[in-house]
Amino acid sequence: MKVRIFVSYCHDDVRPDNERLKVFIDSLESAGNGRYEILADYRHGGAAIGANLAEYMRQIDHADAAILLLTPGYKERAMRKGATGVYNEFRRIYDRILDTDSAGTYGRDFMALPIVFSNTFDDV
């Protein structure tokens, strides 16, 4: 069974066609030697424009881990708490953290791996 890793990021700071993002995702997948299933929106038709994003985001509920690319735009959208994809993803990830922590299974059933950027992805 593959380890499912959901990647959450803000399109304002990290474009889905950004080569750095693709290198990061491809390197992560390669490091797993076939053991990882990377759930990044640009790789899944369920997250395409016009698709049902809520359905795609439900994959967080069954992921083993989430990587959050925390950029200024991500923070702003998460703090705004509006009906944005970033906030909905963040809330689902945070709920998974709380649920597994209260069950005493954080780190076994689910874990979040934040990567913090102090500027936009293109400026790093």
PDB file of N, CA and C in Angstrom:
ATOM      1  N   MET A   1       0.835  -1.179   0.000  1.00  0.00           N
ATOM      2  CA  MET A   1       0.000   0.000   0.000  1.00  0.00           C
ATOM      3  C   MET A   1       0.886   1.251   0.000  1.00  0.00           C
ATOM      4  N   LYS A   2       0.558   2.193  -0.848  1.00  0.00           N
ATOM      5  CA  LYS A   2       1.340   3.424  -0.966  1.00  0.00           C
ATOM      6  C   LYS A   2       0.990   4.408   0.145  1.00  0.00           C
ATOM      7  N   VAL A   3       1.983   5.183   0.531  1.00  0.00           N
ATOM      8  CA  VAL A   3       1.784   6.278   1.473  1.00  0.00           C
ATOM      9  C   VAL A   3       1.238   7.450   0.674  1.00  0.00           C
ATOM     10  N   ARG A   4       0.065   7.940   1.079  1.00  0.00           N
ATOM     11  CA  ARG A   4      -0.587   9.036   0.353  1.00  0.00           C
ATOM     12  C   ARG A   4      -0.189  10.363   0.982  1.00  0.00           C
ATOM     13  N   ILE A   5       0.400  11.238   0.172  1.00  0.00           N
ATOM     14  CA  ILE A   5       0.876  12.544   0.652  1.00  0.00           C
ATOM     15  C   ILE A   5       0.151  13.641  -0.121  1.00  0.00           C
ATOM     16  N   PHE A   6      -0.609  14.454   0.604  1.00  0.00           N
ATOM     17  CA  PHE A   6      -1.347  15.570   0.015  1.00  0.00           C
ATOM     18  C   PHE A   6      -0.477  16.819   0.093  1.00  0.00           C
ATOM     19  N   VAL A   7      -0.339  17.546  -1.026  1.00  0.00           N
ATOM     20  CA  VAL A   7       0.449  18.773  -1.052  1.00  0.00           C
ATOM     21  C   VAL A   7      -0.504  19.959  -1.167  1.00  0.00           C
ATOM     22  N   SER A   8      -0.417  20.857  -0.174  1.00  0.00           N
ATOM     23  CA  SER A   8      -1.290  22.029  -0.113  1.00  0.00           C
ATOM     24  C   SER A   8      -0.452  23.288  -0.313  1.00  0.00           C
ATOM     25  N   TYR A   9      -0.906  24.162  -1.207  1.00  0.00           N
ATOM     26  CA  TYR A   9      -0.185  25.401  -1.479  1.00  0.00           C
ATOM     27  C   TYR A   9      -1.142  26.431  -2.046  1.00  0.00           C
ATOM     28  N   CYS A  10      -0.706  27.676  -2.079  1.00  0.00           N
ATOM     29  CA  CYS A  10      -1.524  28.777  -2.591  1.00  0.00           C
ATOM     30  C   CYS A  10      -1.079  29.121  -4.009  1.00  0.00           C
ATOM     31  N   HIS A  11      -1.990  29.088  -4.939  1.00  0.00           N
ATOM     32  CA  HIS A  11      -1.667  29.379  -6.337  1.00  0.00           C
ATOM     33  C   HIS A  11      -1.205  30.820  -6.534  1.00  0.00           C
ATOM     34  N   ASP A  12      -1.525  31.726  -5.597  1.00  0.00           N
ATOM     35  CA  ASP A  12      -1.052  33.110  -5.726  1.00  0.00           C
ATOM     36  C   ASP A  12       0.473  33.170  -5.658  1.00  0.00           C
ATOM     37  N   ASP A  13       1.067  32.295  -4.864  1.00  0.00           N
ATOM     38  CA  ASP A  13       2.516  32.305  -4.671  1.00  0.00           C
ATOM     39  C   ASP A  13       3.228  31.178  -5.392  1.00  0.00           C
ATOM     40  N   VAL A  14       2.571  30.075  -5.594  1.00  0.00           N
ATOM     41  CA  VAL A  14       3.170  28.903  -6.240  1.00  0.00           C
ATOM     42  C   VAL A  14       2.252  28.495  -7.391  1.00  0.00           C
ATOM     43  N   ARG A  15       2.674  28.803  -8.586  1.00  0.00           N
ATOM     44  CA  ARG A  15       1.869  28.441  -9.753  1.00  0.00           C
ATOM     45  C   ARG A  15       1.966  26.934  -9.989  1.00  0.00           C
ATOM     46  N   PRO A  16       0.876  26.303 -10.362  1.00  0.00           N
ATOM     47  CA  PRO A  16       0.900  24.850 -10.608  1.00  0.00           C
ATOM     48  C   PRO A  16       1.888  24.430 -11.686  1.00  0.00           C
ATOM     49  N   ASP A  17       2.242  25.352 -12.590  1.00  0.00           N
ATOM     50  CA  ASP A  17       3.195  25.009 -13.649  1.00  0.00           C
ATOM     51  C   ASP A  17       4.629  25.430 -13.301  1.00  0.00           C
ATOM     52  N   ASN A  18       4.853  25.836 -12.059  1.00  0.00           N
ATOM     53  CA  ASN A  18       6.173  26.268 -11.619  1.00  0.00           C
ATOM     54  C   ASN A  18       7.137  25.079 -11.627  1.00  0.00           C
ATOM     55  N   GLU A  19       8.265  25.238 -12.281  1.00  0.00           N
ATOM     56  CA  GLU A  19       9.238  24.143 -12.398  1.00  0.00           C
ATOM     57  C   GLU A  19       9.776  23.721 -11.029  1.00  0.00           C
ATOM     58  N   ARG A  20       9.933  24.660 -10.096  1.00  0.00           N
ATOM     59  CA  ARG A  20      10.427  24.303  -8.767  1.00  0.00           C
ATOM     60  C   ARG A  20       9.449  23.387  -8.054  1.00  0.00           C
ATOM     61  N   LEU A  21       8.170  23.662  -8.210  1.00  0.00           N
ATOM     62  CA  LEU A  21       7.153  22.808  -7.601  1.00  0.00           C
ATOM     63  C   LEU A  21       7.236  21.414  -8.202  1.00  0.00           C
ATOM     64  N   LYS A  22       7.331  21.347  -9.511  1.00  0.00           N
ATOM     65  CA  LYS A  22       7.397  20.051 -10.183  1.00  0.00           C
ATOM     66  C   LYS A  22       8.650  19.277  -9.789  1.00  0.00           C
ATOM     67  N   VAL A  23       9.779  19.960  -9.673  1.00  0.00           N
ATOM     68  CA  VAL A  23      11.017  19.295  -9.255  1.00  0.00           C
ATOM     69  C   VAL A  23      10.861  18.778  -7.830  1.00  0.00           C
ATOM     70  N   PHE A  24      10.268  19.580  -6.956  1.00  0.00           N
ATOM     71  CA  PHE A  24      10.042  19.157  -5.575  1.00  0.00           C
ATOM     72  C   PHE A  24       9.167  17.903  -5.522  1.00  0.00           C
ATOM     73  N   ILE A  25       8.041  17.938  -6.218  1.00  0.00           N
ATOM     74  CA  ILE A  25       7.098  16.811  -6.229  1.00  0.00           C
ATOM     75  C   ILE A  25       7.753  15.577  -6.860  1.00  0.00           C
ATOM     76  N   ASP A  26       8.417  15.762  -7.990  1.00  0.00           N
ATOM     77  CA  ASP A  26       9.067  14.642  -8.658  1.00  0.00           C
ATOM     78  C   ASP A  26      10.184  14.042  -7.794  1.00  0.00           C
ATOM     79  N   SER A  27      10.938  14.904  -7.111  1.00  0.00           N
ATOM     80  CA  SER A  27      12.015  14.421  -6.238  1.00  0.00           C
ATOM     81  C   SER A  27      11.460  13.648  -5.055  1.00  0.00           C
ATOM     82  N   LEU A  28      10.377  14.131  -4.504  1.00  0.00           N
ATOM     83  CA  LEU A  28       9.733  13.442  -3.390  1.00  0.00           C
ATOM     84  C   LEU A  28       9.249  12.065  -3.839  1.00  0.00           C
ATOM     85  N   GLU A  29       8.623  12.040  -4.982  1.00  0.00           N
ATOM     86  CA  GLU A  29       8.132  10.778  -5.521  1.00  0.00           C
ATOM     87  C   GLU A  29       9.282   9.813  -5.810  1.00  0.00           C
ATOM     88  N   SER A  30      10.332  10.332  -6.380  1.00  0.00           N
ATOM     89  CA  SER A  30      11.498   9.501  -6.686  1.00  0.00           C
ATOM     90  C   SER A  30      12.145   8.959  -5.407  1.00  0.00           C
ATOM     91  N   ALA A  31      12.236   9.784  -4.382  1.00  0.00           N
ATOM     92  CA  ALA A  31      12.833   9.360  -3.115  1.00  0.00           C
ATOM     93  C   ALA A  31      12.038   8.217  -2.483  1.00  0.00           C
ATOM     94  N   GLY A  32      10.751   8.165  -2.771  1.00  0.00           N
ATOM     95  CA  GLY A  32       9.907   7.112  -2.221  1.00  0.00           C
ATOM     96  C   GLY A  32      10.014   5.786  -2.949  1.00  0.00           C
ATOM     97  N   ASN A  33      10.724   5.772  -4.074  1.00  0.00           N
ATOM     98  CA  ASN A  33      10.891   4.530  -4.848  1.00  0.00           C
ATOM     99  C   ASN A  33       9.574   3.804  -5.081  1.00  0.00           C
ATOM    100  N   GLY A  34       8.544   4.544  -5.472  1.00  0.00           N
ATOM    101  CA  GLY A  34       7.258   3.934  -5.766  1.00  0.00           C
ATOM    102  C   GLY A  34       6.356   3.725  -4.563  1.00  0.00           C
ATOM    103  N   ARG A  35       6.809   4.105  -3.384  1.00  0.00           N
ATOM    104  CA  ARG A  35       6.003   3.908  -2.169  1.00  0.00           C
ATOM    105  C   ARG A  35       5.060   5.069  -1.874  1.00  0.00           C
ATOM    106  N   TYR A  36       5.235   6.210  -2.567  1.00  0.00           N
ATOM    107  CA  TYR A  36       4.410   7.384  -2.301  1.00  0.00           C
ATOM    108  C   TYR A  36       3.430   7.637  -3.436  1.00  0.00           C
ATOM    109  N   GLU A  37       2.234   8.022  -3.049  1.00  0.00           N
ATOM    110  CA  GLU A  37       1.266   8.571  -4.002  1.00  0.00           C
ATOM    111  C   GLU A  37       1.139  10.040  -3.657  1.00  0.00           C
ATOM    112  N   ILE A  38       1.617  10.897  -4.543  1.00  0.00           N
ATOM    113  CA  ILE A  38       1.610  12.331  -4.296  1.00  0.00           C
ATOM    114  C   ILE A  38       0.310  12.917  -4.831  1.00  0.00           C
ATOM    115  N   LEU A  39      -0.418  13.570  -3.951  1.00  0.00           N
ATOM    116  CA  LEU A  39      -1.691  14.190  -4.304  1.00  0.00           C
ATOM    117  C   LEU A  39      -1.471  15.693  -4.436  1.00  0.00           C
ATOM    118  N   ALA A  40      -1.108  16.118  -5.624  1.00  0.00           N
ATOM    119  CA  ALA A  40      -0.918  17.533  -5.934  1.00  0.00           C
ATOM    120  C   ALA A  40      -1.946  17.896  -6.988  1.00  0.00           C
ATOM    121  N   ASP A  41      -2.626  19.005  -6.797  1.00  0.00           N
ATOM    122  CA  ASP A  41      -3.764  19.339  -7.649  1.00  0.00           C
ATOM    123  C   ASP A  41      -3.437  19.358  -9.138  1.00  0.00           C
ATOM    124  N   TYR A  42      -2.265  19.831  -9.521  1.00  0.00           N
ATOM    125  CA  TYR A  42      -1.959  19.921 -10.944  1.00  0.00           C
ATOM    126  C   TYR A  42      -1.815  18.544 -11.601  1.00  0.00           C
ATOM    127  N   ARG A  43      -1.729  17.489 -10.794  1.00  0.00           N
ATOM    128  CA  ARG A  43      -1.591  16.126 -11.322  1.00  0.00           C
ATOM    129  C   ARG A  43      -2.917  15.372 -11.386  1.00  0.00           C
ATOM    130  N   HIS A  44      -3.976  15.962 -10.873  1.00  0.00           N
ATOM    131  CA  HIS A  44      -5.245  15.244 -10.766  1.00  0.00           C
ATOM    132  C   HIS A  44      -6.369  16.019 -11.447  1.00  0.00           C
ATOM    133  N   GLY A  45      -7.036  15.358 -12.363  1.00  0.00           N
ATOM    134  CA  GLY A  45      -8.154  15.968 -13.073  1.00  0.00           C
ATOM    135  C   GLY A  45      -9.266  16.411 -12.156  1.00  0.00           C
ATOM    136  N   GLY A  46      -9.377  15.788 -10.986  1.00  0.00           N
ATOM    137  CA  GLY A  46     -10.417  16.163 -10.030  1.00  0.00           C
ATOM    138  C   GLY A  46     -10.231  17.550  -9.449  1.00  0.00           C
ATOM    139  N   ALA A  47      -9.061  18.168  -9.710  1.00  0.00           N
ATOM    140  CA  ALA A  47      -8.808  19.511  -9.205  1.00  0.00           C
ATOM    141  C   ALA A  47      -8.726  20.533 -10.336  1.00  0.00           C
ATOM    142  N   ALA A  48      -9.053  20.133 -11.538  1.00  0.00           N
ATOM    143  CA  ALA A  48      -8.975  21.039 -12.682  1.00  0.00           C
ATOM    144  C   ALA A  48     -10.032  22.129 -12.570  1.00  0.00           C
ATOM    145  N   ILE A  49      -9.819  23.209 -13.297  1.00  0.00           N
ATOM    146  CA  ILE A  49     -10.796  24.302 -13.309  1.00  0.00           C
ATOM    147  C   ILE A  49     -12.142  23.748 -13.740  1.00  0.00           C
ATOM    148  N   GLY A  50     -13.161  24.072 -12.981  1.00  0.00           N
ATOM    149  CA  GLY A  50     -14.504  23.586 -13.263  1.00  0.00           C
ATOM    150  C   GLY A  50     -14.828  22.263 -12.593  1.00  0.00           C
ATOM    151  N   ALA A  51     -13.842  21.620 -11.998  1.00  0.00           N
ATOM    152  CA  ALA A  51     -14.069  20.335 -11.324  1.00  0.00           C
ATOM    153  C   ALA A  51     -14.609  20.583  -9.913  1.00  0.00           C
ATOM    154  N   ASN A  52     -15.016  19.516  -9.276  1.00  0.00           N
ATOM    155  CA  ASN A  52     -15.527  19.592  -7.917  1.00  0.00           C
ATOM    156  C   ASN A  52     -14.344  19.574  -6.947  1.00  0.00           C
ATOM    157  N   LEU A  53     -13.889  20.764  -6.540  1.00  0.00           N
ATOM    158  CA  LEU A  53     -12.712  20.859  -5.669  1.00  0.00           C
ATOM    159  C   LEU A  53     -12.962  20.255  -4.302  1.00  0.00           C
ATOM    160  N   ALA A  54     -14.173  20.366  -3.805  1.00  0.00           N
ATOM    161  CA  ALA A  54     -14.478  19.789  -2.486  1.00  0.00           C
ATOM    162  C   ALA A  54     -14.244  18.284  -2.503  1.00  0.00           C
ATOM    163  N   GLU A  55     -14.612  17.651  -3.594  1.00  0.00           N
ATOM    164  CA  GLU A  55     -14.396  16.212  -3.714  1.00  0.00           C
ATOM    165  C   GLU A  55     -12.902  15.891  -3.744  1.00  0.00           C
ATOM    166  N   TYR A  56     -12.132  16.679  -4.489  1.00  0.00           N
ATOM    167  CA  TYR A  56     -10.689  16.479  -4.529  1.00  0.00           C
ATOM    168  C   TYR A  56     -10.084  16.659  -3.131  1.00  0.00           C
ATOM    169  N   MET A  57     -10.510  17.689  -2.410  1.00  0.00           N
ATOM    170  CA  MET A  57      -9.962  17.969  -1.080  1.00  0.00           C
ATOM    171  C   MET A  57     -10.315  16.896  -0.057  1.00  0.00           C
ATOM    172  N   ARG A  58     -11.339  16.130  -0.301  1.00  0.00           N
ATOM    173  CA  ARG A  58     -11.691  15.039   0.619  1.00  0.00           C
ATOM    174  C   ARG A  58     -10.586  13.976   0.686  1.00  0.00           C
ATOM    175  N   GLN A  59      -9.681  14.010  -0.281  1.00  0.00           N
ATOM    176  CA  GLN A  59      -8.557  13.079  -0.235  1.00  0.00           C
ATOM    177  C   GLN A  59      -7.688  13.317   1.001  1.00  0.00           C
ATOM    178  N   ILE A  60      -7.741  14.523   1.543  1.00  0.00           N
ATOM    179  CA  ILE A  60      -7.007  14.830   2.773  1.00  0.00           C
ATOM    180  C   ILE A  60      -7.466  13.902   3.897  1.00  0.00           C
ATOM    181  N   ASP A  61      -8.747  13.578   3.908  1.00  0.00           N
ATOM    182  CA  ASP A  61      -9.311  12.744   4.974  1.00  0.00           C
ATOM    183  C   ASP A  61      -8.728  11.335   4.983  1.00  0.00           C
ATOM    184  N   HIS A  62      -8.124  10.928   3.881  1.00  0.00           N
ATOM    185  CA  HIS A  62      -7.571   9.579   3.772  1.00  0.00           C
ATOM    186  C   HIS A  62      -6.066   9.584   3.513  1.00  0.00           C
ATOM    187  N   ALA A  63      -5.469  10.778   3.514  1.00  0.00           N
ATOM    188  CA  ALA A  63      -4.025  10.882   3.290  1.00  0.00           C
ATOM    189  C   ALA A  63      -3.274  10.462   4.547  1.00  0.00           C
ATOM    190  N   ASP A  64      -2.070   9.990   4.353  1.00  0.00           N
ATOM    191  CA  ASP A  64      -1.202   9.622   5.466  1.00  0.00           C
ATOM    192  C   ASP A  64      -0.407  10.824   5.970  1.00  0.00           C
ATOM    193  N   ALA A  65      -0.210  11.789   5.086  1.00  0.00           N
ATOM    194  CA  ALA A  65       0.551  12.984   5.441  1.00  0.00           C
ATOM    195  C   ALA A  65       0.117  14.133   4.549  1.00  0.00           C
ATOM    196  N   ALA A  66       0.415  15.340   5.014  1.00  0.00           N
ATOM    197  CA  ALA A  66       0.173  16.537   4.213  1.00  0.00           C
ATOM    198  C   ALA A  66       1.415  17.403   4.287  1.00  0.00           C
ATOM    199  N   ILE A  67       1.831  17.905   3.147  1.00  0.00           N
ATOM    200  CA  ILE A  67       2.908  18.877   3.087  1.00  0.00           C
ATOM    201  C   ILE A  67       2.253  20.207   2.770  1.00  0.00           C
ATOM    202  N   LEU A  68       2.509  21.195   3.616  1.00  0.00           N
ATOM    203  CA  LEU A  68       1.955  22.526   3.434  1.00  0.00           C
ATOM    204  C   LEU A  68       3.076  23.465   3.036  1.00  0.00           C
ATOM    205  N   LEU A  69       2.975  24.050   1.850  1.00  0.00           N
ATOM    206  CA  LEU A  69       3.942  25.046   1.401  1.00  0.00           C
ATOM    207  C   LEU A  69       3.434  26.397   1.881  1.00  0.00           C
ATOM    208  N   LEU A  70       3.925  26.822   3.031  1.00  0.00           N
ATOM    209  CA  LEU A  70       3.399  27.995   3.725  1.00  0.00           C
ATOM    210  C   LEU A  70       4.084  29.263   3.237  1.00  0.00           C
ATOM    211  N   THR A  71       3.413  29.931   2.324  1.00  0.00           N
ATOM    212  CA  THR A  71       3.883  31.190   1.745  1.00  0.00           C
ATOM    213  C   THR A  71       3.048  32.324   2.336  1.00  0.00           C
ATOM    214  N   PRO A  72       3.434  33.578   2.105  1.00  0.00           N
ATOM    215  CA  PRO A  72       2.613  34.696   2.593  1.00  0.00           C
ATOM    216  C   PRO A  72       1.169  34.632   2.092  1.00  0.00           C
ATOM    217  N   GLY A  73       0.969  34.267   0.831  1.00  0.00           N
ATOM    218  CA  GLY A  73      -0.389  34.164   0.298  1.00  0.00           C
ATOM    219  C   GLY A  73      -1.184  33.065   0.978  1.00  0.00           C
ATOM    220  N   TYR A  74      -0.538  31.950   1.284  1.00  0.00           N
ATOM    221  CA  TYR A  74      -1.201  30.852   2.002  1.00  0.00           C
ATOM    222  C   TYR A  74      -1.668  31.342   3.363  1.00  0.00           C
ATOM    223  N   LYS A  75      -0.770  32.004   4.069  1.00  0.00           N
ATOM    224  CA  LYS A  75      -1.120  32.515   5.401  1.00  0.00           C
ATOM    225  C   LYS A  75      -2.300  33.479   5.322  1.00  0.00           C
ATOM    226  N   GLU A  76      -2.242  34.408   4.370  1.00  0.00           N
ATOM    227  CA  GLU A  76      -3.304  35.404   4.236  1.00  0.00           C
ATOM    228  C   GLU A  76      -4.655  34.735   3.975  1.00  0.00           C
ATOM    229  N   ARG A  77      -4.702  33.775   3.102  1.00  0.00           N
ATOM    230  CA  ARG A  77      -5.971  33.100   2.796  1.00  0.00           C
ATOM    231  C   ARG A  77      -6.454  32.235   3.953  1.00  0.00           C
ATOM    232  N   ALA A  78      -5.543  31.581   4.643  1.00  0.00           N
ATOM    233  CA  ALA A  78      -5.934  30.763   5.796  1.00  0.00           C
ATOM    234  C   ALA A  78      -6.440  31.647   6.929  1.00  0.00           C
ATOM    235  N   MET A  79      -5.803  32.790   7.148  1.00  0.00           N
ATOM    236  CA  MET A  79      -6.217  33.703   8.219  1.00  0.00           C
ATOM    237  C   MET A  79      -7.563  34.374   7.905  1.00  0.00           C
ATOM    238  N   ARG A  80      -7.838  34.577   6.622  1.00  0.00           N
ATOM    239  CA  ARG A  80      -9.084  35.219   6.210  1.00  0.00           C
ATOM    240  C   ARG A  80     -10.295  34.334   6.492  1.00  0.00           C
ATOM    241  N   LYS A  81     -10.073  33.029   6.528  1.00  0.00           N
ATOM    242  CA  LYS A  81     -11.125  32.056   6.844  1.00  0.00           C
ATOM    243  C   LYS A  81     -12.324  32.147   5.907  1.00  0.00           C
ATOM    244  N   GLY A  82     -12.087  32.464   4.683  1.00  0.00           N
ATOM    245  CA  GLY A  82     -13.178  32.553   3.717  1.00  0.00           C
ATOM    246  C   GLY A  82     -13.346  31.255   2.960  1.00  0.00           C
ATOM    247  N   ALA A  83     -14.181  31.309   1.977  1.00  0.00           N
ATOM    248  CA  ALA A  83     -14.479  30.122   1.168  1.00  0.00           C
ATOM    249  C   ALA A  83     -13.455  30.003   0.043  1.00  0.00           C
ATOM    250  N   THR A  84     -12.181  29.829   0.430  1.00  0.00           N
ATOM    251  CA  THR A  84     -11.141  29.642  -0.576  1.00  0.00           C
ATOM    252  C   THR A  84     -10.628  28.211  -0.502  1.00  0.00           C
ATOM    253  N   GLY A  85     -10.030  27.764  -1.573  1.00  0.00           N
ATOM    254  CA  GLY A  85      -9.457  26.426  -1.577  1.00  0.00           C
ATOM    255  C   GLY A  85      -8.377  26.279  -0.522  1.00  0.00           C
ATOM    256  N   VAL A  86      -7.547  27.314  -0.372  1.00  0.00           N
ATOM    257  CA  VAL A  86      -6.472  27.253   0.620  1.00  0.00           C
ATOM    258  C   VAL A  86      -7.051  27.090   2.023  1.00  0.00           C
ATOM    259  N   TYR A  87      -8.033  27.904   2.365  1.00  0.00           N
ATOM    260  CA  TYR A  87      -8.592  27.795   3.715  1.00  0.00           C
ATOM    261  C   TYR A  87      -9.243  26.425   3.928  1.00  0.00           C
ATOM    262  N   ASN A  88      -9.992  25.952   2.945  1.00  0.00           N
ATOM    263  CA  ASN A  88     -10.654  24.650   3.098  1.00  0.00           C
ATOM    264  C   ASN A  88      -9.637  23.518   3.242  1.00  0.00           C
ATOM    265  N   GLU A  89      -8.562  23.558   2.461  1.00  0.00           N
ATOM    266  CA  GLU A  89      -7.515  22.552   2.615  1.00  0.00           C
ATOM    267  C   GLU A  89      -6.863  22.651   3.988  1.00  0.00           C
ATOM    268  N   PHE A  90      -6.507  23.881   4.379  1.00  0.00           N
ATOM    269  CA  PHE A  90      -5.870  24.084   5.674  1.00  0.00           C
ATOM    270  C   PHE A  90      -6.766  23.574   6.803  1.00  0.00           C
ATOM    271  N   ARG A  91      -8.048  23.874   6.738  1.00  0.00           N
ATOM    272  CA  ARG A  91      -8.972  23.466   7.803  1.00  0.00           C
ATOM    273  C   ARG A  91      -9.074  21.946   7.874  1.00  0.00           C
ATOM    274  N   ARG A  92      -9.146  21.289   6.727  1.00  0.00           N
ATOM    275  CA  ARG A  92      -9.201  19.819   6.727  1.00  0.00           C
ATOM    276  C   ARG A  92      -7.918  19.217   7.304  1.00  0.00           C
ATOM    277  N   ILE A  93      -6.792  19.792   6.923  1.00  0.00           N
ATOM    278  CA  ILE A  93      -5.514  19.302   7.445  1.00  0.00           C
ATOM    279  C   ILE A  93      -5.453  19.531   8.953  1.00  0.00           C
ATOM    280  N   TYR A  94      -5.828  20.708   9.390  1.00  0.00           N
ATOM    281  CA  TYR A  94      -5.811  21.021  10.827  1.00  0.00           C
ATOM    282  C   TYR A  94      -6.757  20.091  11.593  1.00  0.00           C
ATOM    283  N   ASP A  95      -7.931  19.834  11.039  1.00  0.00           N
ATOM    284  CA  ASP A  95      -8.869  18.901  11.685  1.00  0.00           C
ATOM    285  C   ASP A  95      -8.272  17.503  11.798  1.00  0.00           C
ATOM    286  N   ARG A  96      -7.550  17.064  10.762  1.00  0.00           N
ATOM    287  CA  ARG A  96      -6.882  15.747  10.835  1.00  0.00           C
ATOM    288  C   ARG A  96      -5.830  15.733  11.940  1.00  0.00           C
ATOM    289  N   ILE A  97      -5.089  16.820  12.064  1.00  0.00           N
ATOM    290  CA  ILE A  97      -4.091  16.925  13.135  1.00  0.00           C
ATOM    291  C   ILE A  97      -4.770  16.793  14.493  1.00  0.00           C
ATOM    292  N   LEU A  98      -5.838  17.551  14.691  1.00  0.00           N
ATOM    293  CA  LEU A  98      -6.546  17.508  15.974  1.00  0.00           C
ATOM    294  C   LEU A  98      -7.127  16.131  16.255  1.00  0.00           C
ATOM    295  N   ASP A  99      -7.736  15.524  15.252  1.00  0.00           N
ATOM    296  CA  ASP A  99      -8.351  14.207  15.427  1.00  0.00           C
ATOM    297  C   ASP A  99      -7.315  13.138  15.777  1.00  0.00           C
ATOM    298  N   THR A 100      -6.208  13.120  15.046  1.00  0.00           N
ATOM    299  CA  THR A 100      -5.209  12.092  15.321  1.00  0.00           C
ATOM    300  C   THR A 100      -4.466  12.372  16.622  1.00  0.00           C
ATOM    301  N   ASP A 101      -4.311  13.653  16.954  1.00  0.00           N
ATOM    302  CA  ASP A 101      -3.666  13.983  18.229  1.00  0.00           C
ATOM    303  C   ASP A 101      -4.527  13.525  19.398  1.00  0.00           C
ATOM    304  N   SER A 102      -5.829  13.798  19.318  1.00  0.00           N
ATOM    305  CA  SER A 102      -6.711  13.391  20.428  1.00  0.00           C
ATOM    306  C   SER A 102      -6.839  11.869  20.513  1.00  0.00           C
ATOM    307  N   ALA A 103      -6.671  11.178  19.384  1.00  0.00           N
ATOM    308  CA  ALA A 103      -6.727   9.713  19.388  1.00  0.00           C
ATOM    309  C   ALA A 103      -5.374   9.096  19.757  1.00  0.00           C
ATOM    310  N   GLY A 104      -4.365   9.947  19.897  1.00  0.00           N
ATOM    311  CA  GLY A 104      -3.038   9.443  20.224  1.00  0.00           C
ATOM    312  C   GLY A 104      -2.339   8.764  19.057  1.00  0.00           C
ATOM    313  N   THR A 105      -2.784   9.061  17.836  1.00  0.00           N
ATOM    314  CA  THR A 105      -2.201   8.397  16.663  1.00  0.00           C
ATOM    315  C   THR A 105      -1.499   9.369  15.721  1.00  0.00           C
ATOM    316  N   TYR A 106      -1.305  10.626  16.158  1.00  0.00           N
ATOM    317  CA  TYR A 106      -0.587  11.577  15.303  1.00  0.00           C
ATOM    318  C   TYR A 106       0.832  11.045  15.091  1.00  0.00           C
ATOM    319  N   GLY A 107       1.270  11.066  13.858  1.00  0.00           N
ATOM    320  CA  GLY A 107       2.585  10.526  13.518  1.00  0.00           C
ATOM    321  C   GLY A 107       2.508   9.095  13.016  1.00  0.00           C
ATOM    322  N   ARG A 108       1.421   8.412  13.320  1.00  0.00           N
ATOM    323  CA  ARG A 108       1.216   7.049  12.800  1.00  0.00           C
ATOM    324  C   ARG A 108       0.126   7.052  11.736  1.00  0.00           C
ATOM    325  N   ASP A 109      -1.019   7.647  12.056  1.00  0.00           N
ATOM    326  CA  ASP A 109      -2.135   7.680  11.099  1.00  0.00           C
ATOM    327  C   ASP A 109      -2.086   8.887  10.173  1.00  0.00           C
ATOM    328  N   PHE A 110      -1.447   9.947  10.631  1.00  0.00           N
ATOM    329  CA  PHE A 110      -1.391  11.185   9.852  1.00  0.00           C
ATOM    330  C   PHE A 110      -0.327  12.091  10.445  1.00  0.00           C
ATOM    331  N   MET A 111       0.300  12.874   9.578  1.00  0.00           N
ATOM    332  CA  MET A 111       1.196  13.919  10.056  1.00  0.00           C
ATOM    333  C   MET A 111       1.259  15.034   9.036  1.00  0.00           C
ATOM    334  N   ALA A 112       1.495  16.249   9.527  1.00  0.00           N
ATOM    335  CA  ALA A 112       1.614  17.422   8.670  1.00  0.00           C
ATOM    336  C   ALA A 112       3.060  17.893   8.682  1.00  0.00           C
ATOM    337  N   LEU A 113       3.558  18.230   7.506  1.00  0.00           N
ATOM    338  CA  LEU A 113       4.928  18.684   7.348  1.00  0.00           C
ATOM    339  C   LEU A 113       4.907  20.085   6.742  1.00  0.00           C
ATOM    340  N   PRO A 114       5.006  21.130   7.572  1.00  0.00           N
ATOM    341  CA  PRO A 114       4.988  22.488   7.035  1.00  0.00           C
ATOM    342  C   PRO A 114       6.357  22.894   6.504  1.00  0.00           C
ATOM    343  N   ILE A 115       6.358  23.571   5.373  1.00  0.00           N
ATOM    344  CA  ILE A 115       7.570  24.172   4.811  1.00  0.00           C
ATOM    345  C   ILE A 115       7.269  25.660   4.697  1.00  0.00           C
ATOM    346  N   VAL A 116       8.015  26.468   5.444  1.00  0.00           N
ATOM    347  CA  VAL A 116       7.729  27.897   5.551  1.00  0.00           C
ATOM    348  C   VAL A 116       8.613  28.693   4.590  1.00  0.00           C
ATOM    349  N   PHE A 117       7.976  29.551   3.814  1.00  0.00           N
ATOM    350  CA  PHE A 117       8.666  30.476   2.926  1.00  0.00           C
ATOM    351  C   PHE A 117       8.409  31.889   3.432  1.00  0.00           C
ATOM    352  N   SER A 118       9.450  32.690   3.498  1.00  0.00           N
ATOM    353  CA  SER A 118       9.277  34.059   3.990  1.00  0.00           C
ATOM    354  C   SER A 118       8.977  35.035   2.866  1.00  0.00           C
ATOM    355  N   ASN A 119       9.019  34.569   1.646  1.00  0.00           N
ATOM    356  CA  ASN A 119       8.742  35.410   0.501  1.00  0.00           C
ATOM    357  C   ASN A 119       7.977  34.566  -0.498  1.00  0.00           C
ATOM    358  N   THR A 120       7.745  35.092  -1.693  1.00  0.00           N
ATOM    359  CA  THR A 120       7.032  34.295  -2.680  1.00  0.00           C
ATOM    360  C   THR A 120       7.933  33.169  -3.174  1.00  0.00           C
ATOM    361  N   PHE A 121       7.330  32.139  -3.696  1.00  0.00           N
ATOM    362  CA  PHE A 121       8.045  30.965  -4.167  1.00  0.00           C
ATOM    363  C   PHE A 121       9.050  31.346  -5.246  1.00  0.00           C
ATOM    364  N   ASP A 122       8.705  32.275  -6.119  1.00  0.00           N
ATOM    365  CA  ASP A 122       9.599  32.673  -7.200  1.00  0.00           C
ATOM    366  C   ASP A 122      10.815  33.443  -6.706  1.00  0.00           C
ATOM    367  N   ASP A 123      10.732  34.079  -5.537  1.00  0.00           N
ATOM    368  CA  ASP A 123      11.839  34.852  -4.998  1.00  0.00           C
ATOM    369  C   ASP A 123      12.798  34.022  -4.154  1.00  0.00           C
ATOM    370  N   VAL A 124      12.460  32.771  -3.884  1.00  0.00           N
ATOM    371  CA  VAL A 124      13.302  31.951  -3.024  1.00  0.00           C
ATOM    372  C   VAL A 124      14.446  31.361  -3.814  1.00  0.00           C
TER     373      VAL A 124
END
